[in-house]
């Protein structure tokens, strides 16, 4: 992942409704949840939910599959793992460069 992709994903998760939707989908698991299930559980109006889902799909946080007349939203765990990996990639690398706390 690059900075732009990570920033776009984090920006979408920075909205309280989209964060709630994403967390709901992660709890739902690999089979995801229908738009109707999400709407009922989170009490988000259909038009608003549609907007949020489209934004999340655009940056790759979720996938949407059509099953007959039902749209199922599935969290993109691969994207989530890449996002977390990007954030953790250089964890603690600067500790050896920081001044020794005892010398302060």
PDB file of N, CA and C in Angstrom:
ATOM      1  N   UNK A   1       0.848  -1.179   0.000  1.00  0.00           N
ATOM      2  CA  UNK A   1       0.000   0.000   0.000  1.00  0.00           C
ATOM      3  C   UNK A   1       0.890   1.237   0.000  1.00  0.00           C
ATOM      4  N   UNK A   2       0.367   2.292  -0.554  1.00  0.00           N
ATOM      5  CA  UNK A   2       1.080   3.559  -0.554  1.00  0.00           C
ATOM      6  C   UNK A   2       0.363   4.553   0.356  1.00  0.00           C
ATOM      7  N   UNK A   3       1.008   5.677   0.589  1.00  0.00           N
ATOM      8  CA  UNK A   3       0.447   6.687   1.492  1.00  0.00           C
ATOM      9  C   UNK A   3      -0.944   7.148   1.054  1.00  0.00           C
ATOM     10  N   UNK A   4      -1.126   7.333  -0.245  1.00  0.00           N
ATOM     11  CA  UNK A   4      -2.420   7.817  -0.734  1.00  0.00           C
ATOM     12  C   UNK A   4      -3.535   6.810  -0.463  1.00  0.00           C
ATOM     13  N   UNK A   5      -3.270   5.535  -0.728  1.00  0.00           N
ATOM     14  CA  UNK A   5      -4.277   4.501  -0.492  1.00  0.00           C
ATOM     15  C   UNK A   5      -4.607   4.344   0.983  1.00  0.00           C
ATOM     16  N   UNK A   6      -3.586   4.375   1.811  1.00  0.00           N
ATOM     17  CA  UNK A   6      -3.792   4.273   3.257  1.00  0.00           C
ATOM     18  C   UNK A   6      -4.576   5.477   3.755  1.00  0.00           C
ATOM     19  N   UNK A   7      -4.187   6.665   3.312  1.00  0.00           N
ATOM     20  CA  UNK A   7      -4.886   7.875   3.744  1.00  0.00           C
ATOM     21  C   UNK A   7      -6.347   7.855   3.319  1.00  0.00           C
ATOM     22  N   UNK A   8      -6.623   7.370   2.114  1.00  0.00           N
ATOM     23  CA  UNK A   8      -8.010   7.291   1.632  1.00  0.00           C
ATOM     24  C   UNK A   8      -8.819   6.316   2.484  1.00  0.00           C
ATOM     25  N   UNK A   9      -8.245   5.172   2.804  1.00  0.00           N
ATOM     26  CA  UNK A   9      -8.953   4.184   3.625  1.00  0.00           C
ATOM     27  C   UNK A   9      -9.210   4.716   5.030  1.00  0.00           C
ATOM     28  N   UNK A  10      -8.198   5.338   5.609  1.00  0.00           N
ATOM     29  CA  UNK A  10      -8.362   5.883   6.961  1.00  0.00           C
ATOM     30  C   UNK A  10      -9.355   7.032   6.974  1.00  0.00           C
ATOM     31  N   UNK A  11      -9.381   7.827   5.911  1.00  0.00           N
ATOM     32  CA  UNK A  11     -10.347   8.921   5.828  1.00  0.00           C
ATOM     33  C   UNK A  11     -11.767   8.374   5.806  1.00  0.00           C
ATOM     34  N   UNK A  12     -11.986   7.296   5.081  1.00  0.00           N
ATOM     35  CA  UNK A  12     -13.329   6.704   5.043  1.00  0.00           C
ATOM     36  C   UNK A  12     -13.703   6.130   6.404  1.00  0.00           C
ATOM     37  N   UNK A  13     -12.766   5.531   7.091  1.00  0.00           N
ATOM     38  CA  UNK A  13     -13.048   4.989   8.421  1.00  0.00           C
ATOM     39  C   UNK A  13     -13.142   6.094   9.473  1.00  0.00           C
ATOM     40  N   UNK A  14     -12.737   7.305   9.119  1.00  0.00           N
ATOM     41  CA  UNK A  14     -12.810   8.441  10.039  1.00  0.00           C
ATOM     42  C   UNK A  14     -14.212   8.993  10.212  1.00  0.00           C
ATOM     43  N   UNK A  15     -15.157   8.495   9.440  1.00  0.00           N
ATOM     44  CA  UNK A  15     -16.556   8.887   9.580  1.00  0.00           C
ATOM     45  C   UNK A  15     -17.228   7.911  10.542  1.00  0.00           C
ATOM     46  N   UNK A  16     -17.981   8.412  11.505  1.00  0.00           N
ATOM     47  CA  UNK A  16     -18.559   7.539  12.530  1.00  0.00           C
ATOM     48  C   UNK A  16     -19.510   6.485  11.951  1.00  0.00           C
ATOM     49  N   UNK A  17     -20.304   6.864  10.939  1.00  0.00           N
ATOM     50  CA  UNK A  17     -21.227   5.878  10.348  1.00  0.00           C
ATOM     51  C   UNK A  17     -20.460   4.782   9.615  1.00  0.00           C
ATOM     52  N   UNK A  18     -19.448   5.181   8.835  1.00  0.00           N
ATOM     53  CA  UNK A  18     -18.691   4.175   8.083  1.00  0.00           C
ATOM     54  C   UNK A  18     -17.887   3.287   9.017  1.00  0.00           C
ATOM     55  N   UNK A  19     -17.355   3.850  10.084  1.00  0.00           N
ATOM     56  CA  UNK A  19     -16.637   3.034  11.056  1.00  0.00           C
ATOM     57  C   UNK A  19     -17.583   2.016  11.694  1.00  0.00           C
ATOM     58  N   UNK A  20     -18.789   2.441  12.040  1.00  0.00           N
ATOM     59  CA  UNK A  20     -19.778   1.528  12.622  1.00  0.00           C
ATOM     60  C   UNK A  20     -20.152   0.426  11.634  1.00  0.00           C
ATOM     61  N   UNK A  21     -20.337   0.787  10.374  1.00  0.00           N
ATOM     62  CA  UNK A  21     -20.667  -0.208   9.339  1.00  0.00           C
ATOM     63  C   UNK A  21     -19.525  -1.203   9.204  1.00  0.00           C
ATOM     64  N   UNK A  22     -18.300  -0.706   9.122  1.00  0.00           N
ATOM     65  CA  UNK A  22     -17.152  -1.596   8.945  1.00  0.00           C
ATOM     66  C   UNK A  22     -17.006  -2.543  10.133  1.00  0.00           C
ATOM     67  N   UNK A  23     -17.151  -2.030  11.326  1.00  0.00           N
ATOM     68  CA  UNK A  23     -17.056  -2.887  12.519  1.00  0.00           C
ATOM     69  C   UNK A  23     -18.174  -3.926  12.537  1.00  0.00           C
ATOM     70  N   UNK A  24     -19.368  -3.527  12.119  1.00  0.00           N
ATOM     71  CA  UNK A  24     -20.489  -4.467  12.039  1.00  0.00           C
ATOM     72  C   UNK A  24     -20.160  -5.580  11.047  1.00  0.00           C
ATOM     73  N   UNK A  25     -19.608  -5.211   9.909  1.00  0.00           N
ATOM     74  CA  UNK A  25     -19.274  -6.213   8.895  1.00  0.00           C
ATOM     75  C   UNK A  25     -18.150  -7.139   9.353  1.00  0.00           C
ATOM     76  N   UNK A  26     -17.171  -6.587  10.046  1.00  0.00           N
ATOM     77  CA  UNK A  26     -16.091  -7.429  10.575  1.00  0.00           C
ATOM     78  C   UNK A  26     -16.663  -8.446  11.561  1.00  0.00           C
ATOM     79  N   UNK A  27     -17.602  -8.009  12.389  1.00  0.00           N
ATOM     80  CA  UNK A  27     -18.255  -8.936  13.332  1.00  0.00           C
ATOM     81  C   UNK A  27     -19.071  -9.991  12.598  1.00  0.00           C
ATOM     82  N   UNK A  28     -19.666  -9.596  11.457  1.00  0.00           N
ATOM     83  CA  UNK A  28     -20.490 -10.535  10.683  1.00  0.00           C
ATOM     84  C   UNK A  28     -19.648 -11.663  10.091  1.00  0.00           C
ATOM     85  N   UNK A  29     -18.381 -11.399   9.824  1.00  0.00           N
ATOM     86  CA  UNK A  29     -17.490 -12.441   9.334  1.00  0.00           C
ATOM     87  C   UNK A  29     -17.347 -12.464   7.826  1.00  0.00           C
ATOM     88  N   UNK A  30     -16.801 -13.565   7.343  1.00  0.00           N
ATOM     89  CA  UNK A  30     -16.439 -13.703   5.934  1.00  0.00           C
ATOM     90  C   UNK A  30     -17.640 -13.755   4.990  1.00  0.00           C
ATOM     91  N   UNK A  31     -18.819 -14.028   5.499  1.00  0.00           N
ATOM     92  CA  UNK A  31     -20.012 -14.061   4.645  1.00  0.00           C
ATOM     93  C   UNK A  31     -20.682 -12.696   4.563  1.00  0.00           C
ATOM     94  N   UNK A  32     -20.251 -11.761   5.394  1.00  0.00           N
ATOM     95  CA  UNK A  32     -20.775 -10.410   5.350  1.00  0.00           C
ATOM     96  C   UNK A  32     -22.209 -10.303   5.823  1.00  0.00           C
ATOM     97  N   UNK A  33     -22.862  -9.233   5.392  1.00  0.00           N
ATOM     98  CA  UNK A  33     -24.248  -8.967   5.780  1.00  0.00           C
ATOM     99  C   UNK A  33     -24.924  -8.221   4.633  1.00  0.00           C
ATOM    100  N   UNK A  34     -26.216  -8.412   4.539  1.00  0.00           N
ATOM    101  CA  UNK A  34     -26.965  -7.706   3.502  1.00  0.00           C
ATOM    102  C   UNK A  34     -27.111  -6.237   3.888  1.00  0.00           C
ATOM    103  N   UNK A  35     -27.383  -5.425   2.887  1.00  0.00           N
ATOM    104  CA  UNK A  35     -27.596  -4.007   3.136  1.00  0.00           C
ATOM    105  C   UNK A  35     -28.755  -3.829   4.114  1.00  0.00           C
ATOM    106  N   UNK A  36     -29.796  -4.627   3.961  1.00  0.00           N
ATOM    107  CA  UNK A  36     -30.942  -4.552   4.863  1.00  0.00           C
ATOM    108  C   UNK A  36     -30.580  -4.884   6.300  1.00  0.00           C
ATOM    109  N   UNK A  37     -29.729  -5.885   6.488  1.00  0.00           N
ATOM    110  CA  UNK A  37     -29.281  -6.248   7.842  1.00  0.00           C
ATOM    111  C   UNK A  37     -28.473  -5.113   8.467  1.00  0.00           C
ATOM    112  N   UNK A  38     -27.608  -4.513   7.665  1.00  0.00           N
ATOM    113  CA  UNK A  38     -26.795  -3.393   8.169  1.00  0.00           C
ATOM    114  C   UNK A  38     -27.703  -2.240   8.552  1.00  0.00           C
ATOM    115  N   UNK A  39     -28.630  -1.928   7.667  1.00  0.00           N
ATOM    116  CA  UNK A  39     -29.540  -0.810   7.906  1.00  0.00           C
ATOM    117  C   UNK A  39     -30.360  -1.030   9.173  1.00  0.00           C
ATOM    118  N   UNK A  40     -30.862  -2.224   9.346  1.00  0.00           N
ATOM    119  CA  UNK A  40     -31.685  -2.534  10.521  1.00  0.00           C
ATOM    120  C   UNK A  40     -30.855  -2.468  11.805  1.00  0.00           C
ATOM    121  N   UNK A  41     -29.665  -3.043  11.767  1.00  0.00           N
ATOM    122  CA  UNK A  41     -28.830  -3.093  12.965  1.00  0.00           C
ATOM    123  C   UNK A  41     -28.325  -1.714  13.387  1.00  0.00           C
ATOM    124  N   UNK A  42     -27.999  -0.868  12.410  1.00  0.00           N
ATOM    125  CA  UNK A  42     -27.384   0.421  12.729  1.00  0.00           C
ATOM    126  C   UNK A  42     -28.327   1.608  12.603  1.00  0.00           C
ATOM    127  N   UNK A  43     -29.545   1.349  12.140  1.00  0.00           N
ATOM    128  CA  UNK A  43     -30.569   2.388  12.015  1.00  0.00           C
ATOM    129  C   UNK A  43     -30.074   3.592  11.197  1.00  0.00           C
ATOM    130  N   UNK A  44     -29.546   3.272  10.016  1.00  0.00           N
ATOM    131  CA  UNK A  44     -29.075   4.302   9.094  1.00  0.00           C
ATOM    132  C   UNK A  44     -30.038   4.333   7.913  1.00  0.00           C
ATOM    133  N   UNK A  45     -30.530   5.509   7.509  1.00  0.00           N
ATOM    134  CA  UNK A  45     -31.440   5.584   6.361  1.00  0.00           C
ATOM    135  C   UNK A  45     -30.814   4.962   5.111  1.00  0.00           C
ATOM    136  N   UNK A  46     -31.647   4.335   4.283  1.00  0.00           N
ATOM    137  CA  UNK A  46     -31.169   3.595   3.114  1.00  0.00           C
ATOM    138  C   UNK A  46     -30.299   4.441   2.182  1.00  0.00           C
ATOM    139  N   UNK A  47     -30.724   5.651   1.876  1.00  0.00           N
ATOM    140  CA  UNK A  47     -29.944   6.478   0.948  1.00  0.00           C
ATOM    141  C   UNK A  47     -28.592   6.856   1.548  1.00  0.00           C
ATOM    142  N   UNK A  48     -28.572   7.129   2.833  1.00  0.00           N
ATOM    143  CA  UNK A  48     -27.321   7.462   3.514  1.00  0.00           C
ATOM    144  C   UNK A  48     -26.402   6.254   3.560  1.00  0.00           C
ATOM    145  N   UNK A  49     -26.955   5.098   3.872  1.00  0.00           N
ATOM    146  CA  UNK A  49     -26.166   3.872   3.940  1.00  0.00           C
ATOM    147  C   UNK A  49     -25.571   3.549   2.579  1.00  0.00           C
ATOM    148  N   UNK A  50     -26.350   3.696   1.536  1.00  0.00           N
ATOM    149  CA  UNK A  50     -25.873   3.435   0.183  1.00  0.00           C
ATOM    150  C   UNK A  50     -24.657   4.303  -0.141  1.00  0.00           C
ATOM    151  N   UNK A  51     -24.726   5.552   0.232  1.00  0.00           N
ATOM    152  CA  UNK A  51     -23.614   6.487   0.027  1.00  0.00           C
ATOM    153  C   UNK A  51     -22.370   6.009   0.770  1.00  0.00           C
ATOM    154  N   UNK A  52     -22.522   5.637   2.030  1.00  0.00           N
ATOM    155  CA  UNK A  52     -21.387   5.191   2.838  1.00  0.00           C
ATOM    156  C   UNK A  52     -20.786   3.902   2.277  1.00  0.00           C
ATOM    157  N   UNK A  53     -21.630   2.971   1.887  1.00  0.00           N
ATOM    158  CA  UNK A  53     -21.140   1.704   1.341  1.00  0.00           C
ATOM    159  C   UNK A  53     -20.364   1.927   0.042  1.00  0.00           C
ATOM    160  N   UNK A  54     -20.861   2.814  -0.804  1.00  0.00           N
ATOM    161  CA  UNK A  54     -20.175   3.107  -2.065  1.00  0.00           C
ATOM    162  C   UNK A  54     -18.784   3.686  -1.810  1.00  0.00           C
ATOM    163  N   UNK A  55     -18.673   4.560  -0.847  1.00  0.00           N
ATOM    164  CA  UNK A  55     -17.374   5.153  -0.519  1.00  0.00           C
ATOM    165  C   UNK A  55     -16.413   4.109   0.013  1.00  0.00           C
ATOM    166  N   UNK A  56     -16.917   3.208   0.856  1.00  0.00           N
ATOM    167  CA  UNK A  56     -16.072   2.161   1.422  1.00  0.00           C
ATOM    168  C   UNK A  56     -15.632   1.172   0.350  1.00  0.00           C
ATOM    169  N   UNK A  57     -16.523   0.858  -0.569  1.00  0.00           N
ATOM    170  CA  UNK A  57     -16.187  -0.056  -1.665  1.00  0.00           C
ATOM    171  C   UNK A  57     -15.158   0.581  -2.593  1.00  0.00           C
ATOM    172  N   UNK A  58     -15.277   1.875  -2.838  1.00  0.00           N
ATOM    173  CA  UNK A  58     -14.373   2.585  -3.747  1.00  0.00           C
ATOM    174  C   UNK A  58     -12.916   2.505  -3.281  1.00  0.00           C
ATOM    175  N   UNK A  59     -12.678   2.527  -1.972  1.00  0.00           N
ATOM    176  CA  UNK A  59     -11.295   2.455  -1.466  1.00  0.00           C
ATOM    177  C   UNK A  59     -10.871   1.030  -1.127  1.00  0.00           C
ATOM    178  N   UNK A  60     -11.769   0.067  -1.322  1.00  0.00           N
ATOM    179  CA  UNK A  60     -11.410  -1.337  -1.122  1.00  0.00           C
ATOM    180  C   UNK A  60     -11.630  -1.893   0.266  1.00  0.00           C
ATOM    181  N   UNK A  61     -12.307  -1.157   1.143  1.00  0.00           N
ATOM    182  CA  UNK A  61     -12.555  -1.668   2.491  1.00  0.00           C
ATOM    183  C   UNK A  61     -13.571  -2.793   2.505  1.00  0.00           C
ATOM    184  N   UNK A  62     -14.526  -2.736   1.574  1.00  0.00           N
ATOM    185  CA  UNK A  62     -15.547  -3.781   1.486  1.00  0.00           C
ATOM    186  C   UNK A  62     -15.720  -4.206   0.036  1.00  0.00           C
ATOM    187  N   UNK A  63     -16.306  -5.380  -0.129  1.00  0.00           N
ATOM    188  CA  UNK A  63     -16.718  -5.873  -1.439  1.00  0.00           C
ATOM    189  C   UNK A  63     -18.233  -6.000  -1.394  1.00  0.00           C
ATOM    190  N   UNK A  64     -18.863  -5.791  -2.516  1.00  0.00           N
ATOM    191  CA  UNK A  64     -20.310  -5.946  -2.592  1.00  0.00           C
ATOM    192  C   UNK A  64     -20.628  -7.006  -3.635  1.00  0.00           C
ATOM    193  N   UNK A  65     -21.476  -7.950  -3.253  1.00  0.00           N
ATOM    194  CA  UNK A  65     -21.904  -9.008  -4.160  1.00  0.00           C
ATOM    195  C   UNK A  65     -23.419  -8.996  -4.252  1.00  0.00           C
ATOM    196  N   UNK A  66     -23.903  -9.195  -5.455  1.00  0.00           N
ATOM    197  CA  UNK A  66     -25.349  -9.249  -5.645  1.00  0.00           C
ATOM    198  C   UNK A  66     -25.774 -10.713  -5.634  1.00  0.00           C
ATOM    199  N   UNK A  67     -26.687 -11.042  -4.759  1.00  0.00           N
ATOM    200  CA  UNK A  67     -27.272 -12.381  -4.635  1.00  0.00           C
ATOM    201  C   UNK A  67     -28.750 -12.228  -4.924  1.00  0.00           C
ATOM    202  N   UNK A  68     -29.136 -12.535  -6.147  1.00  0.00           N
ATOM    203  CA  UNK A  68     -30.515 -12.344  -6.588  1.00  0.00           C
ATOM    204  C   UNK A  68     -30.862 -10.863  -6.467  1.00  0.00           C
ATOM    205  N   UNK A  69     -31.762 -10.516  -5.581  1.00  0.00           N
ATOM    206  CA  UNK A  69     -32.147  -9.107  -5.406  1.00  0.00           C
ATOM    207  C   UNK A  69     -31.518  -8.483  -4.164  1.00  0.00           C
ATOM    208  N   UNK A  70     -30.617  -9.192  -3.538  1.00  0.00           N
ATOM    209  CA  UNK A  70     -30.002  -8.731  -2.292  1.00  0.00           C
ATOM    210  C   UNK A  70     -28.537  -8.395  -2.520  1.00  0.00           C
ATOM    211  N   UNK A  71     -28.108  -7.264  -1.993  1.00  0.00           N
ATOM    212  CA  UNK A  71     -26.692  -6.901  -2.041  1.00  0.00           C
ATOM    213  C   UNK A  71     -26.070  -7.249  -0.700  1.00  0.00           C
ATOM    214  N   UNK A  72     -25.009  -8.045  -0.758  1.00  0.00           N
ATOM    215  CA  UNK A  72     -24.294  -8.464   0.441  1.00  0.00           C
ATOM    216  C   UNK A  72     -22.957  -7.733   0.472  1.00  0.00           C
ATOM    217  N   UNK A  73     -22.656  -7.162   1.610  1.00  0.00           N
ATOM    218  CA  UNK A  73     -21.398  -6.442   1.810  1.00  0.00           C
ATOM    219  C   UNK A  73     -20.474  -7.309   2.650  1.00  0.00           C
ATOM    220  N   UNK A  74     -19.247  -7.437   2.170  1.00  0.00           N
ATOM    221  CA  UNK A  74     -18.277  -8.312   2.823  1.00  0.00           C
ATOM    222  C   UNK A  74     -17.024  -7.492   3.124  1.00  0.00           C
ATOM    223  N   UNK A  75     -16.535  -7.559   4.352  1.00  0.00           N
ATOM    224  CA  UNK A  75     -15.304  -6.813   4.651  1.00  0.00           C
ATOM    225  C   UNK A  75     -14.144  -7.402   3.855  1.00  0.00           C
ATOM    226  N   UNK A  76     -13.294  -6.548   3.344  1.00  0.00           N
ATOM    227  CA  UNK A  76     -12.130  -6.989   2.595  1.00  0.00           C
ATOM    228  C   UNK A  76     -10.984  -7.166   3.592  1.00  0.00           C
ATOM    229  N   UNK A  77     -10.886  -8.377   4.141  1.00  0.00           N
ATOM    230  CA  UNK A  77      -9.893  -8.639   5.180  1.00  0.00           C
ATOM    231  C   UNK A  77      -8.465  -8.478   4.665  1.00  0.00           C
ATOM    232  N   UNK A  78      -8.244  -8.795   3.405  1.00  0.00           N
ATOM    233  CA  UNK A  78      -6.905  -8.633   2.824  1.00  0.00           C
ATOM    234  C   UNK A  78      -6.500  -7.148   2.852  1.00  0.00           C
ATOM    235  N   UNK A  79      -7.420  -6.291   2.478  1.00  0.00           N
ATOM    236  CA  UNK A  79      -7.164  -4.848   2.508  1.00  0.00           C
ATOM    237  C   UNK A  79      -6.920  -4.386   3.944  1.00  0.00           C
ATOM    238  N   UNK A  80      -7.721  -4.886   4.867  1.00  0.00           N
ATOM    239  CA  UNK A  80      -7.558  -4.529   6.274  1.00  0.00           C
ATOM    240  C   UNK A  80      -6.185  -4.959   6.790  1.00  0.00           C
ATOM    241  N   UNK A  81      -5.767  -6.174   6.458  1.00  0.00           N
ATOM    242  CA  UNK A  81      -4.452  -6.656   6.888  1.00  0.00           C
ATOM    243  C   UNK A  81      -3.329  -5.808   6.287  1.00  0.00           C
ATOM    244  N   UNK A  82      -3.478  -5.434   5.020  1.00  0.00           N
ATOM    245  CA  UNK A  82      -2.476  -4.570   4.392  1.00  0.00           C
ATOM    246  C   UNK A  82      -2.430  -3.203   5.065  1.00  0.00           C
ATOM    247  N   UNK A  83      -3.587  -2.680   5.413  1.00  0.00           N
ATOM    248  CA  UNK A  83      -3.659  -1.382   6.086  1.00  0.00           C
ATOM    249  C   UNK A  83      -2.969  -1.444   7.446  1.00  0.00           C
ATOM    250  N   UNK A  84      -3.278  -2.467   8.211  1.00  0.00           N
ATOM    251  CA  UNK A  84      -2.647  -2.641   9.526  1.00  0.00           C
ATOM    252  C   UNK A  84      -1.145  -2.857   9.370  1.00  0.00           C
ATOM    253  N   UNK A  85      -0.773  -3.672   8.394  1.00  0.00           N
ATOM    254  CA  UNK A  85       0.645  -3.922   8.141  1.00  0.00           C
ATOM    255  C   UNK A  85       1.406  -2.656   7.794  1.00  0.00           C
ATOM    256  N   UNK A  86       0.793  -1.807   6.986  1.00  0.00           N
ATOM    257  CA  UNK A  86       1.420  -0.535   6.621  1.00  0.00           C
ATOM    258  C   UNK A  86       1.645   0.321   7.862  1.00  0.00           C
ATOM    259  N   UNK A  87       0.655   0.361   8.735  1.00  0.00           N
ATOM    260  CA  UNK A  87       0.758   1.181   9.944  1.00  0.00           C
ATOM    261  C   UNK A  87       1.794   0.631  10.921  1.00  0.00           C
ATOM    262  N   UNK A  88       1.993  -0.680  10.921  1.00  0.00           N
ATOM    263  CA  UNK A  88       2.919  -1.304  11.855  1.00  0.00           C
ATOM    264  C   UNK A  88       4.308  -1.553  11.273  1.00  0.00           C
ATOM    265  N   UNK A  89       4.481  -1.340   9.992  1.00  0.00           N
ATOM    266  CA  UNK A  89       5.696  -1.744   9.295  1.00  0.00           C
ATOM    267  C   UNK A  89       6.986  -1.233   9.943  1.00  0.00           C
ATOM    268  N   UNK A  90       6.984  -0.051  10.435  1.00  0.00           N
ATOM    269  CA  UNK A  90       8.209   0.512  10.988  1.00  0.00           C
ATOM    270  C   UNK A  90       8.104   0.730  12.492  1.00  0.00           C
ATOM    271  N   UNK A  91       7.259  -0.068  13.121  1.00  0.00           N
ATOM    272  CA  UNK A  91       7.034   0.066  14.551  1.00  0.00           C
ATOM    273  C   UNK A  91       8.340  -0.065  15.332  1.00  0.00           C
ATOM    274  N   UNK A  92       8.572   0.891  16.158  1.00  0.00           N
ATOM    275  CA  UNK A  92       9.675   0.901  17.127  1.00  0.00           C
ATOM    276  C   UNK A  92      11.064   0.970  16.486  1.00  0.00           C
ATOM    277  N   UNK A  93      11.156   1.222  15.193  1.00  0.00           N
ATOM    278  CA  UNK A  93      12.462   1.275  14.527  1.00  0.00           C
ATOM    279  C   UNK A  93      13.304   2.451  15.018  1.00  0.00           C
ATOM    280  N   UNK A  94      12.681   3.480  15.507  1.00  0.00           N
ATOM    281  CA  UNK A  94      13.420   4.652  15.951  1.00  0.00           C
ATOM    282  C   UNK A  94      13.863   4.598  17.400  1.00  0.00           C
ATOM    283  N   UNK A  95      13.546   3.515  18.100  1.00  0.00           N
ATOM    284  CA  UNK A  95      13.906   3.448  19.523  1.00  0.00           C
ATOM    285  C   UNK A  95      15.408   3.535  19.744  1.00  0.00           C
ATOM    286  N   UNK A  96      16.175   2.959  18.859  1.00  0.00           N
ATOM    287  CA  UNK A  96      17.634   3.008  19.024  1.00  0.00           C
ATOM    288  C   UNK A  96      18.194   4.391  18.728  1.00  0.00           C
ATOM    289  N   UNK A  97      17.406   5.220  18.040  1.00  0.00           N
ATOM    290  CA  UNK A  97      17.865   6.556  17.686  1.00  0.00           C
ATOM    291  C   UNK A  97      17.459   7.583  18.743  1.00  0.00           C
ATOM    292  N   UNK A  98      16.517   7.245  19.611  1.00  0.00           N
ATOM    293  CA  UNK A  98      16.032   8.191  20.619  1.00  0.00           C
ATOM    294  C   UNK A  98      17.069   8.336  21.728  1.00  0.00           C
ATOM    295  N   UNK A  99      17.134   9.511  22.335  1.00  0.00           N
ATOM    296  CA  UNK A  99      18.080   9.688  23.452  1.00  0.00           C
ATOM    297  C   UNK A  99      17.718   8.751  24.600  1.00  0.00           C
ATOM    298  N   UNK A 100      18.705   8.311  25.294  1.00  0.00           N
ATOM    299  CA  UNK A 100      18.512   7.430  26.439  1.00  0.00           C
ATOM    300  C   UNK A 100      17.769   8.196  27.529  1.00  0.00           C
ATOM    301  N   UNK A 101      16.638   7.645  27.961  1.00  0.00           N
ATOM    302  CA  UNK A 101      15.799   8.318  28.962  1.00  0.00           C
ATOM    303  C   UNK A 101      16.569   8.541  30.277  1.00  0.00           C
ATOM    304  N   UNK A 102      17.501   7.646  30.577  1.00  0.00           N
ATOM    305  CA  UNK A 102      18.253   7.755  31.825  1.00  0.00           C
ATOM    306  C   UNK A 102      19.205   8.956  31.801  1.00  0.00           C
ATOM    307  N   UNK A 103      19.605   9.361  30.603  1.00  0.00           N
ATOM    308  CA  UNK A 103      20.561  10.464  30.514  1.00  0.00           C
ATOM    309  C   UNK A 103      19.878  11.836  30.559  1.00  0.00           C
ATOM    310  N   UNK A 104      18.549  11.851  30.534  1.00  0.00           N
ATOM    311  CA  UNK A 104      17.843  13.129  30.545  1.00  0.00           C
ATOM    312  C   UNK A 104      17.718  13.709  31.912  1.00  0.00           C
TER     313      UNK A 104
END
